[in-house]
Amino acid sequence: MRRKLVAGNWKMNGSRAMLVELDAIAAAAGAAPGIDVSVAVPFTLIAAASERVPTLAIGAEDVHEAESGAHTGCVSASMVKEVGASFTIVGHSERRSDQHETSHDAWAKAAAAHKQGLNVILCCGETEAERDADRAERVVQAQIEKSVPDNADGSWFTLAYEPRWAIGTGRTPTLEEIAAIHAIARAKLRMLIGDRAAGVRILYGGSVTGANAASILDTPNVDGALVGGASLTAAKFVPIIEAAASL
């Protein structure tokens, strides 16, 4: 049985003053022992966040694939681990589109993070144009094939499906569309890593709210949510945690 995971991603938002939001989020996580809750914060807040709420899994929003070197402005997996991160997100759609990262980049980052003992949430998902051209399934399958490390398993690896056109727009796919992509993702994982695929959680990400979380999280093969804007405040994030815990 795969435990539900509700993961927050603050993106380029946050300040030390905002860390007070984590108090109520950690309390809600503690009141829901049947699920897992984590929050990825900007690099500048990882140490303070992990010290403030040691019971809550705090992560990095990205890492560089190299351990060290001439990579100005980049941060390695060992660096974020040293300051308190227990996981990282890689391959996020905003990294793919804004920083032109490839599926190979996501693969390299996932492998580097795992080598340092970090858990990994690896993202995949199609653009609106790809969805409209009926290419969503092929795009997601190709991203998974090129991004997932050969040694991936559920003890450290999570996949997140996030249709790019649903992120921060208030739009979401239908439950049938979500179920279809998650089923395809599960099948592709089985092709790549065999029986270990059964233990890998597949999250849905893209305009998840307290209002739609329960129905999305009750969809077949949806093992949790990757939440962006709604994770910035406890008022919006806690209802999603509670929805996951109720299932």
C-alpha atoms as a PDB file:
ATOM      1  CA  MET A   1       0.000   0.000   0.000  1.00  0.00           C
ATOM      2  CA  ARG A   2       1.435   3.340  -1.068  1.00  0.00           C
ATOM      3  CA  ARG A   3       1.053   6.108   1.499  1.00  0.00           C
ATOM      4  CA  LYS A   4      -0.371   9.371   0.247  1.00  0.00           C
ATOM      5  CA  LEU A   5       2.138  12.213  -0.033  1.00  0.00           C
ATOM      6  CA  VAL A   6       1.199  15.895  -0.017  1.00  0.00           C
ATOM      7  CA  ALA A   7       4.224  17.930  -1.070  1.00  0.00           C
ATOM      8  CA  GLY A   8       4.384  21.717  -1.172  1.00  0.00           C
ATOM      9  CA  ASN A   9       6.594  23.737  -3.502  1.00  0.00           C
ATOM     10  CA  TRP A  10       7.057  27.382  -2.538  1.00  0.00           C
ATOM     11  CA  LYS A  11       8.946  28.224  -5.761  1.00  0.00           C
ATOM     12  CA  MET A  12      10.549  31.704  -5.680  1.00  0.00           C
ATOM     13  CA  ASN A  13       8.430  32.851  -2.770  1.00  0.00           C
ATOM     14  CA  GLY A  14       9.007  33.108   0.943  1.00  0.00           C
ATOM     15  CA  SER A  15      10.888  34.877   3.674  1.00  0.00           C
ATOM     16  CA  ARG A  16      11.892  34.123   7.224  1.00  0.00           C
ATOM     17  CA  ALA A  17       8.711  35.846   8.368  1.00  0.00           C
ATOM     18  CA  MET A  18       6.658  33.421   6.269  1.00  0.00           C
ATOM     19  CA  LEU A  19       8.102  30.383   8.037  1.00  0.00           C
ATOM     20  CA  VAL A  20       5.432  30.834  10.714  1.00  0.00           C
ATOM     21  CA  GLU A  21       3.083  29.159   8.202  1.00  0.00           C
ATOM     22  CA  LEU A  22       5.031  25.940   8.667  1.00  0.00           C
ATOM     23  CA  ASP A  23       3.964  25.682  12.304  1.00  0.00           C
ATOM     24  CA  ALA A  24       0.339  24.921  11.443  1.00  0.00           C
ATOM     25  CA  ILE A  25       1.371  22.785   8.472  1.00  0.00           C
ATOM     26  CA  ALA A  26       3.591  20.669  10.716  1.00  0.00           C
ATOM     27  CA  ALA A  27       0.774  20.382  13.250  1.00  0.00           C
ATOM     28  CA  ALA A  28      -1.614  19.177  10.543  1.00  0.00           C
ATOM     29  CA  ALA A  29       0.977  16.655   9.366  1.00  0.00           C
ATOM     30  CA  GLY A  30       1.373  15.407  12.921  1.00  0.00           C
ATOM     31  CA  ALA A  31      -2.388  14.956  13.178  1.00  0.00           C
ATOM     32  CA  ALA A  32      -2.355  12.811  10.010  1.00  0.00           C
ATOM     33  CA  PRO A  33       0.081   9.971  10.743  1.00  0.00           C
ATOM     34  CA  GLY A  34      -1.270   7.887   7.877  1.00  0.00           C
ATOM     35  CA  ILE A  35       0.139  10.184   5.188  1.00  0.00           C
ATOM     36  CA  ASP A  36       3.389  11.971   4.437  1.00  0.00           C
ATOM     37  CA  VAL A  37       3.752  15.747   4.172  1.00  0.00           C
ATOM     38  CA  SER A  38       6.721  17.692   2.873  1.00  0.00           C
ATOM     39  CA  VAL A  39       7.545  21.237   1.775  1.00  0.00           C
ATOM     40  CA  ALA A  40      10.244  22.392  -0.640  1.00  0.00           C
ATOM     41  CA  VAL A  41      11.398  25.932   0.072  1.00  0.00           C
ATOM     42  CA  PRO A  42      13.931  28.283  -1.574  1.00  0.00           C
ATOM     43  CA  PHE A  43      17.580  27.487  -0.856  1.00  0.00           C
ATOM     44  CA  THR A  44      17.819  30.495   1.458  1.00  0.00           C
ATOM     45  CA  LEU A  45      15.162  29.086   3.797  1.00  0.00           C
ATOM     46  CA  ILE A  46      16.085  25.402   4.016  1.00  0.00           C
ATOM     47  CA  ALA A  47      18.207  25.689   7.153  1.00  0.00           C
ATOM     48  CA  ALA A  48      15.788  27.935   9.025  1.00  0.00           C
ATOM     49  CA  ALA A  49      12.776  25.850   7.999  1.00  0.00           C
ATOM     50  CA  SER A  50      14.330  22.529   9.013  1.00  0.00           C
ATOM     51  CA  GLU A  51      15.330  23.991  12.381  1.00  0.00           C
ATOM     52  CA  ARG A  52      11.902  25.519  12.995  1.00  0.00           C
ATOM     53  CA  VAL A  53       9.864  22.388  12.175  1.00  0.00           C
ATOM     54  CA  PRO A  54      12.148  19.366  12.604  1.00  0.00           C
ATOM     55  CA  THR A  55       9.198  16.971  12.336  1.00  0.00           C
ATOM     56  CA  LEU A  56       8.332  18.162   8.830  1.00  0.00           C
ATOM     57  CA  ALA A  57      10.249  16.992   5.758  1.00  0.00           C
ATOM     58  CA  ILE A  58      11.900  20.057   4.227  1.00  0.00           C
ATOM     59  CA  GLY A  59      13.333  19.902   0.737  1.00  0.00           C
ATOM     60  CA  ALA A  60      15.071  21.819  -2.035  1.00  0.00           C
ATOM     61  CA  GLU A  61      13.277  22.931  -5.182  1.00  0.00           C
ATOM     62  CA  ASP A  62      16.186  21.857  -7.390  1.00  0.00           C
ATOM     63  CA  VAL A  63      19.804  20.715  -7.286  1.00  0.00           C
ATOM     64  CA  HIS A  64      22.684  20.719  -9.739  1.00  0.00           C
ATOM     65  CA  GLU A  65      23.811  17.373 -11.111  1.00  0.00           C
ATOM     66  CA  ALA A  66      27.477  18.000 -10.286  1.00  0.00           C
ATOM     67  CA  GLU A  67      28.879  17.563  -6.799  1.00  0.00           C
ATOM     68  CA  SER A  68      31.034  20.693  -7.066  1.00  0.00           C
ATOM     69  CA  GLY A  69      32.858  22.811  -9.597  1.00  0.00           C
ATOM     70  CA  ALA A  70      32.659  25.955 -11.682  1.00  0.00           C
ATOM     71  CA  HIS A  71      28.878  26.289 -11.700  1.00  0.00           C
ATOM     72  CA  THR A  72      28.240  29.843 -10.515  1.00  0.00           C
ATOM     73  CA  GLY A  73      24.924  30.259  -8.747  1.00  0.00           C
ATOM     74  CA  CYS A  74      24.147  26.526  -8.613  1.00  0.00           C
ATOM     75  CA  VAL A  75      23.721  24.351  -5.537  1.00  0.00           C
ATOM     76  CA  SER A  76      24.616  20.676  -5.207  1.00  0.00           C
ATOM     77  CA  ALA A  77      22.716  17.865  -3.509  1.00  0.00           C
ATOM     78  CA  SER A  78      25.288  17.581  -0.715  1.00  0.00           C
ATOM     79  CA  MET A  79      24.976  21.310  -0.028  1.00  0.00           C
ATOM     80  CA  VAL A  80      21.209  21.235   0.472  1.00  0.00           C
ATOM     81  CA  LYS A  81      21.470  18.062   2.523  1.00  0.00           C
ATOM     82  CA  GLU A  82      24.029  19.691   4.807  1.00  0.00           C
ATOM     83  CA  VAL A  83      21.615  22.493   5.684  1.00  0.00           C
ATOM     84  CA  GLY A  84      18.656  20.219   6.378  1.00  0.00           C
ATOM     85  CA  ALA A  85      16.996  19.131   3.138  1.00  0.00           C
ATOM     86  CA  SER A  86      15.753  15.544   3.018  1.00  0.00           C
ATOM     87  CA  PHE A  87      14.493  15.611  -0.573  1.00  0.00           C
ATOM     88  CA  THR A  88      14.571  17.601  -3.777  1.00  0.00           C
ATOM     89  CA  ILE A  89      12.332  18.278  -6.746  1.00  0.00           C
ATOM     90  CA  VAL A  90      13.868  17.801 -10.206  1.00  0.00           C
ATOM     91  CA  GLY A  91      12.529  18.227 -13.721  1.00  0.00           C
ATOM     92  CA  HIS A  92       9.837  20.695 -12.723  1.00  0.00           C
ATOM     93  CA  SER A  93       8.004  22.111 -15.731  1.00  0.00           C
ATOM     94  CA  GLU A  94       9.150  25.618 -14.900  1.00  0.00           C
ATOM     95  CA  ARG A  95      12.762  24.446 -14.985  1.00  0.00           C
ATOM     96  CA  ARG A  96      12.133  22.681 -18.287  1.00  0.00           C
ATOM     97  CA  SER A  97      10.486  25.725 -19.882  1.00  0.00           C
ATOM     98  CA  ASP A  98      12.268  28.670 -18.261  1.00  0.00           C
ATOM     99  CA  GLN A  99      15.753  27.169 -17.904  1.00  0.00           C
ATOM    100  CA  HIS A 100      15.443  24.864 -20.936  1.00  0.00           C
ATOM    101  CA  GLU A 101      16.292  21.770 -18.925  1.00  0.00           C
ATOM    102  CA  THR A 102      15.938  18.406 -20.624  1.00  0.00           C
ATOM    103  CA  SER A 103      14.796  15.012 -19.426  1.00  0.00           C
ATOM    104  CA  HIS A 104      18.452  13.980 -19.366  1.00  0.00           C
ATOM    105  CA  ASP A 105      19.145  16.879 -17.005  1.00  0.00           C
ATOM    106  CA  ALA A 106      16.343  15.643 -14.738  1.00  0.00           C
ATOM    107  CA  TRP A 107      17.794  12.125 -14.836  1.00  0.00           C
ATOM    108  CA  ALA A 108      21.267  13.375 -13.908  1.00  0.00           C
ATOM    109  CA  LYS A 109      19.914  15.478 -11.048  1.00  0.00           C
ATOM    110  CA  ALA A 110      17.835  12.598  -9.699  1.00  0.00           C
ATOM    111  CA  ALA A 111      20.850  10.295  -9.754  1.00  0.00           C
ATOM    112  CA  ALA A 112      23.048  12.889  -8.044  1.00  0.00           C
ATOM    113  CA  ALA A 113      20.465  13.534  -5.339  1.00  0.00           C
ATOM    114  CA  HIS A 114      19.996   9.834  -4.621  1.00  0.00           C
ATOM    115  CA  LYS A 115      23.760   9.377  -4.384  1.00  0.00           C
ATOM    116  CA  GLN A 116      23.750  11.920  -1.555  1.00  0.00           C
ATOM    117  CA  GLY A 117      20.863  10.203   0.251  1.00  0.00           C
ATOM    118  CA  LEU A 118      18.105  12.618  -0.747  1.00  0.00           C
ATOM    119  CA  ASN A 119      14.629  11.523  -1.749  1.00  0.00           C
ATOM    120  CA  VAL A 120      13.546  12.732  -5.184  1.00  0.00           C
ATOM    121  CA  ILE A 121      10.308  14.011  -6.695  1.00  0.00           C
ATOM    122  CA  LEU A 122      10.719  13.929 -10.472  1.00  0.00           C
ATOM    123  CA  CYS A 123       8.204  15.869 -12.577  1.00  0.00           C
ATOM    124  CA  CYS A 124       6.777  15.207 -16.004  1.00  0.00           C
ATOM    125  CA  GLY A 125       3.931  16.726 -17.999  1.00  0.00           C
ATOM    126  CA  GLU A 126       2.790  18.152 -21.300  1.00  0.00           C
ATOM    127  CA  THR A 127       2.201  21.687 -22.537  1.00  0.00           C
ATOM    128  CA  GLU A 128      -1.197  22.971 -23.605  1.00  0.00           C
ATOM    129  CA  ALA A 129      -0.184  22.720 -27.269  1.00  0.00           C
ATOM    130  CA  GLU A 130       0.879  19.106 -26.779  1.00  0.00           C
ATOM    131  CA  ARG A 131      -2.396  18.310 -25.043  1.00  0.00           C
ATOM    132  CA  ASP A 132      -4.409  19.960 -27.811  1.00  0.00           C
ATOM    133  CA  ALA A 133      -2.471  17.970 -30.413  1.00  0.00           C
ATOM    134  CA  ASP A 134      -3.336  14.698 -28.610  1.00  0.00           C
ATOM    135  CA  ARG A 135       0.324  14.163 -27.774  1.00  0.00           C
ATOM    136  CA  ALA A 136       0.073  14.258 -23.967  1.00  0.00           C
ATOM    137  CA  GLU A 137       0.468  10.522 -23.503  1.00  0.00           C
ATOM    138  CA  ARG A 138       3.469  10.258 -25.812  1.00  0.00           C
ATOM    139  CA  VAL A 139       5.161  13.282 -24.260  1.00  0.00           C
ATOM    140  CA  VAL A 140       4.769  11.964 -20.713  1.00  0.00           C
ATOM    141  CA  GLN A 141       5.968   8.490 -21.665  1.00  0.00           C
ATOM    142  CA  ALA A 142       9.057   9.921 -23.356  1.00  0.00           C
ATOM    143  CA  GLN A 143       9.878  12.140 -20.387  1.00  0.00           C
ATOM    144  CA  ILE A 144       9.570   9.220 -17.982  1.00  0.00           C
ATOM    145  CA  GLU A 145      11.709   6.983 -20.179  1.00  0.00           C
ATOM    146  CA  LYS A 146      14.491   9.570 -20.375  1.00  0.00           C
ATOM    147  CA  SER A 147      14.271  10.880 -16.800  1.00  0.00           C
ATOM    148  CA  VAL A 148      13.818   7.909 -14.464  1.00  0.00           C
ATOM    149  CA  PRO A 149      17.034   6.353 -13.115  1.00  0.00           C
ATOM    150  CA  ASP A 150      17.420   2.611 -13.624  1.00  0.00           C
ATOM    151  CA  ASN A 151      17.657   2.018  -9.865  1.00  0.00           C
ATOM    152  CA  ALA A 152      14.530   3.991  -8.959  1.00  0.00           C
ATOM    153  CA  ASP A 153      12.252   2.534  -6.330  1.00  0.00           C
ATOM    154  CA  GLY A 154       9.605   3.756  -3.939  1.00  0.00           C
ATOM    155  CA  SER A 155      11.959   4.015  -0.976  1.00  0.00           C
ATOM    156  CA  TRP A 156      13.419   7.232  -2.395  1.00  0.00           C
ATOM    157  CA  PHE A 157      11.785   8.024  -5.729  1.00  0.00           C
ATOM    158  CA  THR A 158       8.434   9.687  -6.478  1.00  0.00           C
ATOM    159  CA  LEU A 159       7.014  10.687  -9.857  1.00  0.00           C
ATOM    160  CA  ALA A 160       4.809  13.762 -10.248  1.00  0.00           C
ATOM    161  CA  TYR A 161       2.541  14.386 -13.226  1.00  0.00           C
ATOM    162  CA  GLU A 162       1.936  18.082 -13.715  1.00  0.00           C
ATOM    163  CA  PRO A 163       0.278  19.236 -16.936  1.00  0.00           C
ATOM    164  CA  ARG A 164       2.074  22.512 -17.569  1.00  0.00           C
ATOM    165  CA  TRP A 165      -1.102  24.273 -18.674  1.00  0.00           C
ATOM    166  CA  ALA A 166      -2.734  23.627 -15.283  1.00  0.00           C
ATOM    167  CA  ILE A 167       0.026  25.096 -13.105  1.00  0.00           C
ATOM    168  CA  GLY A 168      -1.096  28.280 -11.411  1.00  0.00           C
ATOM    169  CA  THR A 169      -3.951  28.781 -13.894  1.00  0.00           C
ATOM    170  CA  GLY A 170      -6.861  27.485 -11.863  1.00  0.00           C
ATOM    171  CA  ARG A 171      -7.509  24.943 -14.622  1.00  0.00           C
ATOM    172  CA  THR A 172      -7.276  21.225 -14.011  1.00  0.00           C
ATOM    173  CA  PRO A 173      -7.726  18.193 -16.248  1.00  0.00           C
ATOM    174  CA  THR A 174     -10.834  16.101 -15.755  1.00  0.00           C
ATOM    175  CA  LEU A 175     -10.544  13.226 -13.321  1.00  0.00           C
ATOM    176  CA  GLU A 176     -10.720  10.880 -16.295  1.00  0.00           C
ATOM    177  CA  GLU A 177      -7.798  12.654 -17.950  1.00  0.00           C
ATOM    178  CA  ILE A 178      -5.763  12.514 -14.750  1.00  0.00           C
ATOM    179  CA  ALA A 179      -6.537   8.806 -14.305  1.00  0.00           C
ATOM    180  CA  ALA A 180      -5.543   8.071 -17.900  1.00  0.00           C
ATOM    181  CA  ILE A 181      -2.136   9.738 -17.656  1.00  0.00           C
ATOM    182  CA  HIS A 182      -1.408   8.211 -14.251  1.00  0.00           C
ATOM    183  CA  ALA A 183      -2.261   4.739 -15.576  1.00  0.00           C
ATOM    184  CA  ILE A 184       0.074   5.295 -18.525  1.00  0.00           C
ATOM    185  CA  ALA A 185       2.794   6.555 -16.188  1.00  0.00           C
ATOM    186  CA  ARG A 186       2.423   3.474 -13.991  1.00  0.00           C
ATOM    187  CA  ALA A 187       2.639   1.194 -17.012  1.00  0.00           C
ATOM    188  CA  LYS A 188       5.730   2.980 -18.278  1.00  0.00           C
ATOM    189  CA  LEU A 189       7.382   2.652 -14.882  1.00  0.00           C
ATOM    190  CA  ARG A 190       6.680  -1.097 -14.938  1.00  0.00           C
ATOM    191  CA  MET A 191       8.391  -1.336 -18.303  1.00  0.00           C
ATOM    192  CA  LEU A 192      11.428   0.497 -16.974  1.00  0.00           C
ATOM    193  CA  ILE A 193      11.908  -0.829 -13.438  1.00  0.00           C
ATOM    194  CA  GLY A 194       9.666  -3.882 -13.258  1.00  0.00           C
ATOM    195  CA  ASP A 195       7.985  -4.858 -10.008  1.00  0.00           C
ATOM    196  CA  ARG A 196       9.564  -1.913  -8.182  1.00  0.00           C
ATOM    197  CA  ALA A 197       7.099   0.332 -10.013  1.00  0.00           C
ATOM    198  CA  ALA A 198       4.346  -0.852  -7.686  1.00  0.00           C
ATOM    199  CA  GLY A 199       5.982   0.994  -4.796  1.00  0.00           C
ATOM    200  CA  VAL A 200       6.580   4.291  -6.600  1.00  0.00           C
ATOM    201  CA  ARG A 201       4.128   7.053  -5.743  1.00  0.00           C
ATOM    202  CA  ILE A 202       2.721   9.134  -8.589  1.00  0.00           C
ATOM    203  CA  LEU A 203       1.568  12.592  -7.538  1.00  0.00           C
ATOM    204  CA  TYR A 204      -0.696  14.978  -9.410  1.00  0.00           C
ATOM    205  CA  GLY A 205       0.293  18.641  -9.589  1.00  0.00           C
ATOM    206  CA  GLY A 206      -1.492  21.621 -11.092  1.00  0.00           C
ATOM    207  CA  SER A 207      -3.965  23.963  -9.377  1.00  0.00           C
ATOM    208  CA  VAL A 208      -4.717  21.576  -6.514  1.00  0.00           C
ATOM    209  CA  THR A 209      -6.894  23.219  -3.842  1.00  0.00           C
ATOM    210  CA  GLY A 210      -8.766  22.237  -0.731  1.00  0.00           C
ATOM    211  CA  ALA A 211     -11.938  22.174  -2.825  1.00  0.00           C
ATOM    212  CA  ASN A 212     -10.743  19.678  -5.447  1.00  0.00           C
ATOM    213  CA  ALA A 213      -8.115  17.723  -3.509  1.00  0.00           C
ATOM    214  CA  ALA A 214     -10.342  14.911  -2.246  1.00  0.00           C
ATOM    215  CA  SER A 215     -11.687  14.004  -5.683  1.00  0.00           C
ATOM    216  CA  ILE A 216      -8.254  14.190  -7.307  1.00  0.00           C
ATOM    217  CA  LEU A 217      -6.556  12.187  -4.560  1.00  0.00           C
ATOM    218  CA  ASP A 218      -9.260   9.499  -4.740  1.00  0.00           C
ATOM    219  CA  THR A 219      -8.525   8.931  -8.436  1.00  0.00           C
ATOM    220  CA  PRO A 220      -6.861   5.591  -9.338  1.00  0.00           C
ATOM    221  CA  ASN A 221      -3.059   5.696  -9.333  1.00  0.00           C
ATOM    222  CA  VAL A 222      -2.989   9.172  -7.759  1.00  0.00           C
ATOM    223  CA  ASP A 223      -0.846   8.779  -4.651  1.00  0.00           C
ATOM    224  CA  GLY A 224      -0.745  12.391  -3.555  1.00  0.00           C
ATOM    225  CA  ALA A 225      -0.322  15.955  -4.724  1.00  0.00           C
ATOM    226  CA  LEU A 226       2.465  18.355  -5.609  1.00  0.00           C
ATOM    227  CA  VAL A 227       1.096  21.727  -4.560  1.00  0.00           C
ATOM    228  CA  GLY A 228       2.411  25.128  -5.601  1.00  0.00           C
ATOM    229  CA  GLY A 229       0.665  28.357  -4.662  1.00  0.00           C
ATOM    230  CA  ALA A 230      -1.707  26.734  -2.185  1.00  0.00           C
ATOM    231  CA  SER A 231       1.251  25.527  -0.096  1.00  0.00           C
ATOM    232  CA  LEU A 232       2.357  29.062   0.767  1.00  0.00           C
ATOM    233  CA  THR A 233      -0.171  29.427   3.587  1.00  0.00           C
ATOM    234  CA  ALA A 234      -1.450  26.978   6.143  1.00  0.00           C
ATOM    235  CA  ALA A 235      -4.997  28.195   5.484  1.00  0.00           C
ATOM    236  CA  LYS A 236      -4.848  26.805   1.943  1.00  0.00           C
ATOM    237  CA  PHE A 237      -2.440  23.896   2.413  1.00  0.00           C
ATOM    238  CA  VAL A 238      -3.898  22.282   5.524  1.00  0.00           C
ATOM    239  CA  PRO A 239      -7.267  21.482   3.848  1.00  0.00           C
ATOM    240  CA  ILE A 240      -5.358  19.528   1.194  1.00  0.00           C
ATOM    241  CA  ILE A 241      -3.535  17.598   3.903  1.00  0.00           C
ATOM    242  CA  GLU A 242      -6.828  16.898   5.621  1.00  0.00           C
ATOM    243  CA  ALA A 243      -8.387  15.731   2.345  1.00  0.00           C
ATOM    244  CA  ALA A 244      -5.559  13.247   1.831  1.00  0.00           C
ATOM    245  CA  ALA A 245      -5.816  12.010   5.397  1.00  0.00           C
ATOM    246  CA  SER A 246      -9.555  11.402   5.035  1.00  0.00           C
ATOM    247  CA  LEU A 247      -9.153   8.856   2.239  1.00  0.00           C
END
